[in-house]
C-alpha atoms as a PDB file:
ATOM      1  CA  MET A   1     -49.452 -79.677 -43.172  1.00  0.00           C
ATOM      2  CA  SER A   2     -46.065 -81.123 -43.968  1.00  0.00           C
ATOM      3  CA  THR A   3     -46.008 -84.437 -45.764  1.00  0.00           C
ATOM      4  CA  GLU A   4     -43.966 -87.408 -44.719  1.00  0.00           C
ATOM      5  CA  ARG A   5     -41.423 -86.490 -47.322  1.00  0.00           C
ATOM      6  CA  ASP A   6     -41.175 -82.928 -46.152  1.00  0.00           C
ATOM      7  CA  LEU A   7     -40.535 -84.238 -42.594  1.00  0.00           C
ATOM      8  CA  ARG A   8     -37.961 -86.715 -43.852  1.00  0.00           C
ATOM      9  CA  VAL A   9     -36.078 -83.899 -45.317  1.00  0.00           C
ATOM     10  CA  GLN A  10     -36.376 -81.592 -42.468  1.00  0.00           C
ATOM     11  CA  LEU A  11     -35.286 -84.380 -39.893  1.00  0.00           C
ATOM     12  CA  ALA A  12     -32.302 -85.361 -42.044  1.00  0.00           C
ATOM     13  CA  ALA A  13     -31.374 -81.711 -42.220  1.00  0.00           C
ATOM     14  CA  ALA A  14     -31.558 -81.524 -38.378  1.00  0.00           C
ATOM     15  CA  TYR A  15     -29.123 -84.420 -38.044  1.00  0.00           C
ATOM     16  CA  ARG A  16     -26.685 -82.721 -40.312  1.00  0.00           C
ATOM     17  CA  ILE A  17     -27.051 -79.307 -38.321  1.00  0.00           C
ATOM     18  CA  ILE A  18     -26.630 -81.230 -35.005  1.00  0.00           C
ATOM     19  CA  ASP A  19     -23.358 -82.694 -36.514  1.00  0.00           C
ATOM     20  CA  HIS A  20     -22.390 -79.223 -37.910  1.00  0.00           C
ATOM     21  CA  PHE A  21     -22.508 -77.739 -34.286  1.00  0.00           C
ATOM     22  CA  GLY A  22     -20.569 -80.693 -32.897  1.00  0.00           C
ATOM     23  CA  TRP A  23     -23.571 -82.042 -30.874  1.00  0.00           C
ATOM     24  CA  SER A  24     -23.454 -85.551 -32.127  1.00  0.00           C
ATOM     25  CA  GLU A  25     -21.755 -88.464 -30.232  1.00  0.00           C
ATOM     26  CA  LEU A  26     -20.502 -91.232 -32.656  1.00  0.00           C
ATOM     27  CA  ILE A  27     -23.702 -92.904 -33.571  1.00  0.00           C
ATOM     28  CA  TRP A  28     -25.734 -92.243 -30.230  1.00  0.00           C
ATOM     29  CA  THR A  29     -28.465 -89.807 -29.469  1.00  0.00           C
ATOM     30  CA  HIS A  30     -31.547 -89.240 -31.507  1.00  0.00           C
ATOM     31  CA  THR A  31     -34.030 -86.787 -32.920  1.00  0.00           C
ATOM     32  CA  THR A  32     -37.466 -88.060 -33.991  1.00  0.00           C
ATOM     33  CA  VAL A  33     -40.479 -86.768 -35.807  1.00  0.00           C
ATOM     34  CA  ARG A  34     -44.024 -87.974 -36.022  1.00  0.00           C
ATOM     35  CA  VAL A  35     -45.303 -88.449 -39.411  1.00  0.00           C
ATOM     36  CA  PRO A  36     -48.870 -87.674 -40.527  1.00  0.00           C
ATOM     37  CA  GLY A  37     -51.560 -90.337 -39.973  1.00  0.00           C
ATOM     38  CA  PRO A  38     -53.499 -92.164 -37.445  1.00  0.00           C
ATOM     39  CA  GLU A  39     -50.909 -94.725 -36.720  1.00  0.00           C
ATOM     40  CA  HIS A  40     -48.705 -92.473 -34.593  1.00  0.00           C
ATOM     41  CA  HIS A  41     -45.550 -93.642 -36.482  1.00  0.00           C
ATOM     42  CA  PHE A  42     -42.334 -91.627 -36.098  1.00  0.00           C
ATOM     43  CA  LEU A  43     -38.897 -91.519 -37.992  1.00  0.00           C
ATOM     44  CA  ILE A  44     -35.644 -92.179 -36.269  1.00  0.00           C
ATOM     45  CA  ASN A  45     -32.110 -92.382 -37.291  1.00  0.00           C
ATOM     46  CA  PRO A  46     -30.762 -95.860 -38.384  1.00  0.00           C
ATOM     47  CA  TYR A  47     -28.614 -97.669 -35.918  1.00  0.00           C
ATOM     48  CA  GLY A  48     -24.881 -97.459 -36.523  1.00  0.00           C
ATOM     49  CA  TYR A  49     -24.956 -94.336 -38.853  1.00  0.00           C
ATOM     50  CA  ARG A  50     -23.102 -91.180 -38.089  1.00  0.00           C
ATOM     51  CA  PHE A  51     -25.118 -88.046 -38.150  1.00  0.00           C
ATOM     52  CA  ASP A  52     -23.450 -86.815 -41.416  1.00  0.00           C
ATOM     53  CA  GLU A  53     -24.720 -90.034 -43.058  1.00  0.00           C
ATOM     54  CA  VAL A  54     -28.309 -89.598 -42.279  1.00  0.00           C
ATOM     55  CA  THR A  55     -30.429 -88.809 -45.404  1.00  0.00           C
ATOM     56  CA  ALA A  56     -34.275 -88.392 -45.949  1.00  0.00           C
ATOM     57  CA  SER A  57     -34.522 -92.056 -47.286  1.00  0.00           C
ATOM     58  CA  ASN A  58     -32.442 -93.985 -44.727  1.00  0.00           C
ATOM     59  CA  LEU A  59     -34.596 -92.702 -41.737  1.00  0.00           C
ATOM     60  CA  VAL A  60     -36.452 -95.576 -40.093  1.00  0.00           C
ATOM     61  CA  LYS A  61     -40.097 -95.410 -39.515  1.00  0.00           C
ATOM     62  CA  VAL A  62     -41.353 -97.206 -36.477  1.00  0.00           C
ATOM     63  CA  ASP A  63     -44.454 -97.607 -34.558  1.00  0.00           C
ATOM     64  CA  LEU A  64     -45.061 -97.214 -30.786  1.00  0.00           C
ATOM     65  CA  ASP A  65     -44.209-100.776 -30.097  1.00  0.00           C
ATOM     66  CA  GLY A  66     -40.732-100.414 -31.889  1.00  0.00           C
ATOM     67  CA  ARG A  67     -41.821-102.419 -34.977  1.00  0.00           C
ATOM     68  CA  ILE A  68     -40.082-101.247 -38.076  1.00  0.00           C
ATOM     69  CA  ILE A  69     -42.465-100.260 -40.834  1.00  0.00           C
ATOM     70  CA  GLY A  70     -40.850-100.791 -44.200  1.00  0.00           C
ATOM     71  CA  ASP A  71     -37.564-102.286 -44.792  1.00  0.00           C
ATOM     72  CA  PRO A  72     -36.937-105.174 -42.152  1.00  0.00           C
ATOM     73  CA  THR A  73     -33.189-105.025 -42.606  1.00  0.00           C
ATOM     74  CA  GLN A  74     -33.082-101.623 -40.901  1.00  0.00           C
ATOM     75  CA  GLU A  75     -32.155-101.367 -37.369  1.00  0.00           C
ATOM     76  CA  ILE A  76     -32.696 -98.909 -34.488  1.00  0.00           C
ATOM     77  CA  ASN A  77     -31.156 -98.147 -31.048  1.00  0.00           C
ATOM     78  CA  PRO A  78     -33.576 -99.492 -28.352  1.00  0.00           C
ATOM     79  CA  ALA A  79     -32.588 -96.882 -25.858  1.00  0.00           C
ATOM     80  CA  GLY A  80     -33.455 -94.150 -28.306  1.00  0.00           C
ATOM     81  CA  PHE A  81     -36.717 -95.855 -28.951  1.00  0.00           C
ATOM     82  CA  VAL A  82     -37.679 -95.998 -25.317  1.00  0.00           C
ATOM     83  CA  ILE A  83     -36.993 -92.108 -24.614  1.00  0.00           C
ATOM     84  CA  HIS A  84     -38.746 -90.888 -27.606  1.00  0.00           C
ATOM     85  CA  SER A  85     -41.662 -93.375 -27.930  1.00  0.00           C
ATOM     86  CA  ALA A  86     -42.390 -92.413 -24.147  1.00  0.00           C
ATOM     87  CA  ILE A  87     -42.975 -88.657 -25.361  1.00  0.00           C
ATOM     88  CA  HIS A  88     -44.673 -89.570 -28.676  1.00  0.00           C
ATOM     89  CA  MET A  89     -47.055 -91.748 -26.640  1.00  0.00           C
ATOM     90  CA  ALA A  90     -48.105 -89.163 -24.035  1.00  0.00           C
ATOM     91  CA  ARG A  91     -47.673 -85.820 -25.999  1.00  0.00           C
ATOM     92  CA  ARG A  92     -49.988 -85.746 -28.943  1.00  0.00           C
ATOM     93  CA  ASP A  93     -49.168 -81.860 -29.395  1.00  0.00           C
ATOM     94  CA  VAL A  94     -45.372 -82.872 -29.834  1.00  0.00           C
ATOM     95  CA  ARG A  95     -44.357 -83.902 -33.414  1.00  0.00           C
ATOM     96  CA  CYS A  96     -40.436 -83.547 -32.985  1.00  0.00           C
ATOM     97  CA  ILE A  97     -38.150 -84.597 -30.091  1.00  0.00           C
ATOM     98  CA  MET A  98     -34.493 -83.795 -29.895  1.00  0.00           C
ATOM     99  CA  HIS A  99     -32.124 -85.373 -27.406  1.00  0.00           C
ATOM    100  CA  THR A 100     -28.263 -84.719 -27.091  1.00  0.00           C
ATOM    101  CA  HIS A 101     -25.266 -85.854 -25.045  1.00  0.00           C
ATOM    102  CA  THR A 102     -23.187 -82.665 -25.318  1.00  0.00           C
ATOM    103  CA  VAL A 103     -20.355 -81.824 -22.828  1.00  0.00           C
ATOM    104  CA  ALA A 104     -22.212 -78.547 -21.670  1.00  0.00           C
ATOM    105  CA  GLY A 105     -25.565 -80.318 -21.468  1.00  0.00           C
ATOM    106  CA  MET A 106     -24.250 -83.342 -19.539  1.00  0.00           C
ATOM    107  CA  GLY A 107     -22.182 -81.093 -17.278  1.00  0.00           C
ATOM    108  CA  VAL A 108     -25.347 -79.084 -16.199  1.00  0.00           C
ATOM    109  CA  ALA A 109     -27.294 -82.378 -15.976  1.00  0.00           C
ATOM    110  CA  ALA A 110     -24.690 -83.384 -13.424  1.00  0.00           C
ATOM    111  CA  LEU A 111     -25.316 -80.303 -11.195  1.00  0.00           C
ATOM    112  CA  GLU A 112     -27.628 -80.576  -8.281  1.00  0.00           C
ATOM    113  CA  CYS A 113     -28.746 -77.006  -8.953  1.00  0.00           C
ATOM    114  CA  GLY A 114     -29.663 -77.766 -12.563  1.00  0.00           C
ATOM    115  CA  LEU A 115     -30.009 -74.864 -14.958  1.00  0.00           C
ATOM    116  CA  LEU A 116     -29.622 -71.468 -13.355  1.00  0.00           C
ATOM    117  CA  PRO A 117     -31.388 -68.201 -14.597  1.00  0.00           C
ATOM    118  CA  ILE A 118     -28.120 -66.223 -15.233  1.00  0.00           C
ATOM    119  CA  SER A 119     -28.313 -65.712 -19.032  1.00  0.00           C
ATOM    120  CA  MET A 120     -30.775 -64.500 -21.293  1.00  0.00           C
ATOM    121  CA  TYR A 121     -31.156 -68.008 -22.807  1.00  0.00           C
ATOM    122  CA  ALA A 122     -31.681 -69.631 -19.533  1.00  0.00           C
ATOM    123  CA  LEU A 123     -34.153 -66.889 -18.460  1.00  0.00           C
ATOM    124  CA  GLY A 124     -36.314 -67.948 -21.305  1.00  0.00           C
ATOM    125  CA  TYR A 125     -36.801 -71.250 -19.522  1.00  0.00           C
ATOM    126  CA  ASP A 126     -36.902 -70.016 -15.972  1.00  0.00           C
ATOM    127  CA  GLY A 127     -39.526 -72.351 -14.378  1.00  0.00           C
ATOM    128  CA  ALA A 128     -40.149 -74.231 -17.466  1.00  0.00           C
ATOM    129  CA  VAL A 129     -37.595 -77.054 -17.298  1.00  0.00           C
ATOM    130  CA  ALA A 130     -38.582 -80.513 -16.350  1.00  0.00           C
ATOM    131  CA  TYR A 131     -36.045 -82.977 -14.747  1.00  0.00           C
ATOM    132  CA  HIS A 132     -35.771 -86.712 -14.866  1.00  0.00           C
ATOM    133  CA  ASP A 133     -33.432 -88.821 -12.777  1.00  0.00           C
ATOM    134  CA  PHE A 134     -31.026 -91.145 -14.251  1.00  0.00           C
ATOM    135  CA  GLU A 135     -32.037 -94.694 -14.333  1.00  0.00           C
ATOM    136  CA  GLY A 136     -29.278 -96.253 -16.304  1.00  0.00           C
ATOM    137  CA  PRO A 137     -29.243 -96.788 -20.085  1.00  0.00           C
ATOM    138  CA  SER A 138     -32.861 -96.414 -21.177  1.00  0.00           C
ATOM    139  CA  LEU A 139     -33.633 -99.946 -22.066  1.00  0.00           C
ATOM    140  CA  ASP A 140     -36.466-100.553 -19.662  1.00  0.00           C
ATOM    141  CA  ARG A 141     -39.855 -99.694 -21.422  1.00  0.00           C
ATOM    142  CA  GLU A 142     -41.379 -99.279 -17.831  1.00  0.00           C
ATOM    143  CA  GLU A 143     -39.232 -96.023 -17.605  1.00  0.00           C
ATOM    144  CA  ARG A 144     -41.405 -94.531 -20.392  1.00  0.00           C
ATOM    145  CA  GLU A 145     -44.273 -93.787 -18.026  1.00  0.00           C
ATOM    146  CA  ARG A 146     -41.888 -92.090 -15.365  1.00  0.00           C
ATOM    147  CA  LEU A 147     -40.107 -90.103 -18.148  1.00  0.00           C
ATOM    148  CA  ALA A 148     -43.423 -88.955 -19.572  1.00  0.00           C
ATOM    149  CA  ALA A 149     -44.758 -87.869 -16.109  1.00  0.00           C
ATOM    150  CA  ASP A 150     -41.667 -85.879 -15.336  1.00  0.00           C
ATOM    151  CA  LEU A 151     -41.806 -84.034 -18.541  1.00  0.00           C
ATOM    152  CA  GLY A 152     -45.572 -83.218 -18.035  1.00  0.00           C
ATOM    153  CA  ASP A 153     -46.563 -80.333 -20.374  1.00  0.00           C
ATOM    154  CA  LYS A 154     -43.036 -78.874 -20.629  1.00  0.00           C
ATOM    155  CA  ASP A 155     -41.070 -78.720 -23.820  1.00  0.00           C
ATOM    156  CA  VAL A 156     -37.711 -78.861 -22.172  1.00  0.00           C
ATOM    157  CA  MET A 157     -36.124 -81.447 -19.976  1.00  0.00           C
ATOM    158  CA  ILE A 158     -32.780 -81.865 -18.419  1.00  0.00           C
ATOM    159  CA  MET A 159     -32.076 -85.712 -17.931  1.00  0.00           C
ATOM    160  CA  ARG A 160     -29.998 -85.826 -14.932  1.00  0.00           C
ATOM    161  CA  ASN A 161     -26.434 -87.433 -15.381  1.00  0.00           C
ATOM    162  CA  HIS A 162     -27.513 -87.942 -19.107  1.00  0.00           C
ATOM    163  CA  GLY A 163     -28.208 -84.980 -21.201  1.00  0.00           C
ATOM    164  CA  LEU A 164     -30.776 -82.463 -22.742  1.00  0.00           C
ATOM    165  CA  LEU A 165     -34.145 -83.064 -24.476  1.00  0.00           C
ATOM    166  CA  THR A 166     -36.512 -80.512 -26.121  1.00  0.00           C
ATOM    167  CA  CYS A 167     -39.770 -80.825 -27.869  1.00  0.00           C
ATOM    168  CA  GLY A 168     -41.515 -78.977 -30.706  1.00  0.00           C
ATOM    169  CA  GLU A 169     -44.520 -78.845 -32.833  1.00  0.00           C
ATOM    170  CA  THR A 170     -42.043 -78.764 -35.701  1.00  0.00           C
ATOM    171  CA  VAL A 171     -38.509 -79.789 -36.256  1.00  0.00           C
ATOM    172  CA  ALA A 172     -37.531 -76.241 -36.483  1.00  0.00           C
ATOM    173  CA  GLN A 173     -39.071 -75.384 -33.117  1.00  0.00           C
ATOM    174  CA  ALA A 174     -37.415 -78.302 -31.285  1.00  0.00           C
ATOM    175  CA  PHE A 175     -34.175 -77.476 -32.817  1.00  0.00           C
ATOM    176  CA  VAL A 176     -34.464 -73.747 -31.646  1.00  0.00           C
ATOM    177  CA  ARG A 177     -35.300 -74.750 -28.160  1.00  0.00           C
ATOM    178  CA  MET A 178     -32.172 -77.076 -28.282  1.00  0.00           C
ATOM    179  CA  TYR A 179     -29.887 -74.355 -29.423  1.00  0.00           C
ATOM    180  CA  ARG A 180     -31.000 -72.017 -26.672  1.00  0.00           C
ATOM    181  CA  LEU A 181     -30.716 -74.779 -24.033  1.00  0.00           C
ATOM    182  CA  GLU A 182     -27.324 -75.714 -25.181  1.00  0.00           C
ATOM    183  CA  ARG A 183     -26.109 -72.148 -25.101  1.00  0.00           C
ATOM    184  CA  ALA A 184     -27.624 -71.449 -21.694  1.00  0.00           C
ATOM    185  CA  CYS A 185     -25.584 -74.504 -20.523  1.00  0.00           C
ATOM    186  CA  GLN A 186     -22.356 -73.460 -21.996  1.00  0.00           C
ATOM    187  CA  VAL A 187     -22.793 -69.960 -20.514  1.00  0.00           C
ATOM    188  CA  GLN A 188     -23.408 -71.411 -17.172  1.00  0.00           C
ATOM    189  CA  LEU A 189     -20.382 -73.586 -17.030  1.00  0.00           C
ATOM    190  CA  ALA A 190     -18.148 -70.867 -18.302  1.00  0.00           C
ATOM    191  CA  ALA A 191     -19.552 -68.467 -15.522  1.00  0.00           C
ATOM    192  CA  GLN A 192     -19.233 -71.080 -12.742  1.00  0.00           C
ATOM    193  CA  ALA A 193     -15.843 -71.883 -13.780  1.00  0.00           C
ATOM    194  CA  THR A 194     -14.595 -68.335 -12.903  1.00  0.00           C
ATOM    195  CA  GLY A 195     -15.555 -69.033  -9.403  1.00  0.00           C
ATOM    196  CA  SER A 196     -16.957 -65.376  -9.086  1.00  0.00           C
ATOM    197  CA  PRO A 197     -20.521 -64.853  -7.600  1.00  0.00           C
ATOM    198  CA  LEU A 198     -23.322 -65.407 -10.243  1.00  0.00           C
ATOM    199  CA  VAL A 199     -25.645 -62.510 -11.054  1.00  0.00           C
ATOM    200  CA  VAL A 200     -29.403 -63.562 -11.102  1.00  0.00           C
ATOM    201  CA  PRO A 201     -31.782 -60.939 -12.203  1.00  0.00           C
ATOM    202  CA  PRO A 202     -34.670 -59.843 -10.117  1.00  0.00           C
ATOM    203  CA  ASP A 203     -38.005 -61.609 -10.381  1.00  0.00           C
ATOM    204  CA  GLY A 204     -39.645 -58.803 -12.605  1.00  0.00           C
ATOM    205  CA  VAL A 205     -36.865 -59.147 -15.090  1.00  0.00           C
ATOM    206  CA  ARG A 206     -37.103 -63.034 -14.918  1.00  0.00           C
ATOM    207  CA  THR A 207     -40.707 -63.034 -15.632  1.00  0.00           C
ATOM    208  CA  VAL A 208     -40.532 -60.502 -18.546  1.00  0.00           C
ATOM    209  CA  SER A 209     -37.700 -62.526 -20.093  1.00  0.00           C
ATOM    210  CA  ARG A 210     -39.580 -65.635 -19.941  1.00  0.00           C
ATOM    211  CA  GLU A 211     -42.769 -64.178 -21.366  1.00  0.00           C
ATOM    212  CA  ARG A 212     -40.985 -62.573 -24.259  1.00  0.00           C
ATOM    213  CA  SER A 213     -38.893 -65.487 -25.105  1.00  0.00           C
ATOM    214  CA  ASP A 214     -41.826 -67.063 -27.013  1.00  0.00           C
ATOM    215  CA  VAL A 215     -41.950 -64.074 -29.243  1.00  0.00           C
ATOM    216  CA  PHE A 216     -39.027 -65.611 -31.025  1.00  0.00           C
ATOM    217  CA  LEU A 217     -40.358 -69.154 -31.042  1.00  0.00           C
ATOM    218  CA  LYS A 218     -43.604 -69.678 -33.177  1.00  0.00           C
ATOM    219  CA  ALA A 219     -45.409 -72.800 -34.496  1.00  0.00           C
ATOM    220  CA  GLU A 220     -46.532 -72.985 -38.116  1.00  0.00           C
ATOM    221  CA  GLY A 221     -49.485 -70.463 -38.904  1.00  0.00           C
ATOM    222  CA  GLU A 222     -48.748 -68.231 -35.907  1.00  0.00           C
ATOM    223  CA  GLU A 223     -47.869 -64.605 -36.273  1.00  0.00           C
ATOM    224  CA  GLY A 224     -44.499 -63.634 -34.946  1.00  0.00           C
ATOM    225  CA  TYR A 225     -41.474 -61.445 -35.586  1.00  0.00           C
ATOM    226  CA  SER A 226     -40.981 -63.030 -39.100  1.00  0.00           C
ATOM    227  CA  ARG A 227     -43.277 -64.453 -41.832  1.00  0.00           C
ATOM    228  CA  ASN A 228     -41.394 -67.679 -41.164  1.00  0.00           C
ATOM    229  CA  PRO A 229     -41.927 -69.247 -37.641  1.00  0.00           C
ATOM    230  CA  ASN A 230     -38.433 -70.070 -36.957  1.00  0.00           C
ATOM    231  CA  PRO A 231     -36.158 -68.539 -39.483  1.00  0.00           C
ATOM    232  CA  GLU A 232     -32.984 -69.657 -37.834  1.00  0.00           C
ATOM    233  CA  PHE A 233     -33.546 -73.286 -38.788  1.00  0.00           C
ATOM    234  CA  ASP A 234     -34.305 -72.305 -42.411  1.00  0.00           C
ATOM    235  CA  ALA A 235     -30.992 -70.459 -42.527  1.00  0.00           C
ATOM    236  CA  LEU A 236     -29.043 -73.521 -41.362  1.00  0.00           C
ATOM    237  CA  VAL A 237     -30.843 -75.787 -43.947  1.00  0.00           C
ATOM    238  CA  ARG A 238     -29.566 -73.334 -46.605  1.00  0.00           C
ATOM    239  CA  LEU A 239     -26.052 -73.892 -45.042  1.00  0.00           C
ATOM    240  CA  MET A 240     -26.407 -77.689 -45.118  1.00  0.00           C
ATOM    241  CA  ASP A 241     -27.386 -77.477 -48.786  1.00  0.00           C
ATOM    242  CA  ARG A 242     -24.316 -75.492 -49.487  1.00  0.00           C
ATOM    243  CA  LYS A 243     -22.153 -77.881 -47.514  1.00  0.00           C
ATOM    244  CA  ASP A 244     -23.565 -81.230 -48.583  1.00  0.00           C
ATOM    245  CA  PRO A 245     -27.101 -81.521 -49.972  1.00  0.00           C
ATOM    246  CA  SER A 246     -27.077 -85.335 -49.908  1.00  0.00           C
ATOM    247  CA  PHE A 247     -29.312 -85.228 -46.771  1.00  0.00           C
ATOM    248  CA  ARG A 248     -32.170 -84.677 -49.169  1.00  0.00           C
ATOM    249  CA  GLU A 249     -31.647 -88.024 -50.879  1.00  0.00           C
END
């Protein structure tokens, strides 16, 4: 079981990785992780900080009512709290939630068709994507119930006219899901931009692709293709250490 300190370092690394891939948007969007303990507290980025400024120590711990635990001078974005607390409240199996506003993600979120099963990344999510209609900036706490209901037991959501959201039992798992979802959106927009007919694999291939995608996405303690559950994340943490290890502070 990861300690709060472990999770702080992992989450700070995730913010730096998101920034590295160009998925950040000024000081907006959020990734959160629930810390151990019965209180169901979770960590979120401090309001007003760029993602490359996030460190293990400046992450803010909050409860499910939005109260800051610890330093009262810290601030959080209310909209980020609404989205993330909705899922942390409803999904006890979820530890990490990642939300982005990328161009590709928002582009697909604006399409009536949503995510199409036309790439190997998208096929891994065939039939497994939840959708939530845009209700304006997420400042209304009453939206939490509707958001959680729309997500249900899925781990991937496209927030229409808004962006992408993924869940995971670990920070690494939420990241890998987001990476694949982002790539699926990029490929879809590139294919649609050609104006040529899109190739959708037959049902049998779609089923096999969906079933086999989880071979490469494991939780802690599960056996998979590697001794490490999601080695992609570990590889990128090593890259962040080489670029700027200050996220560990």
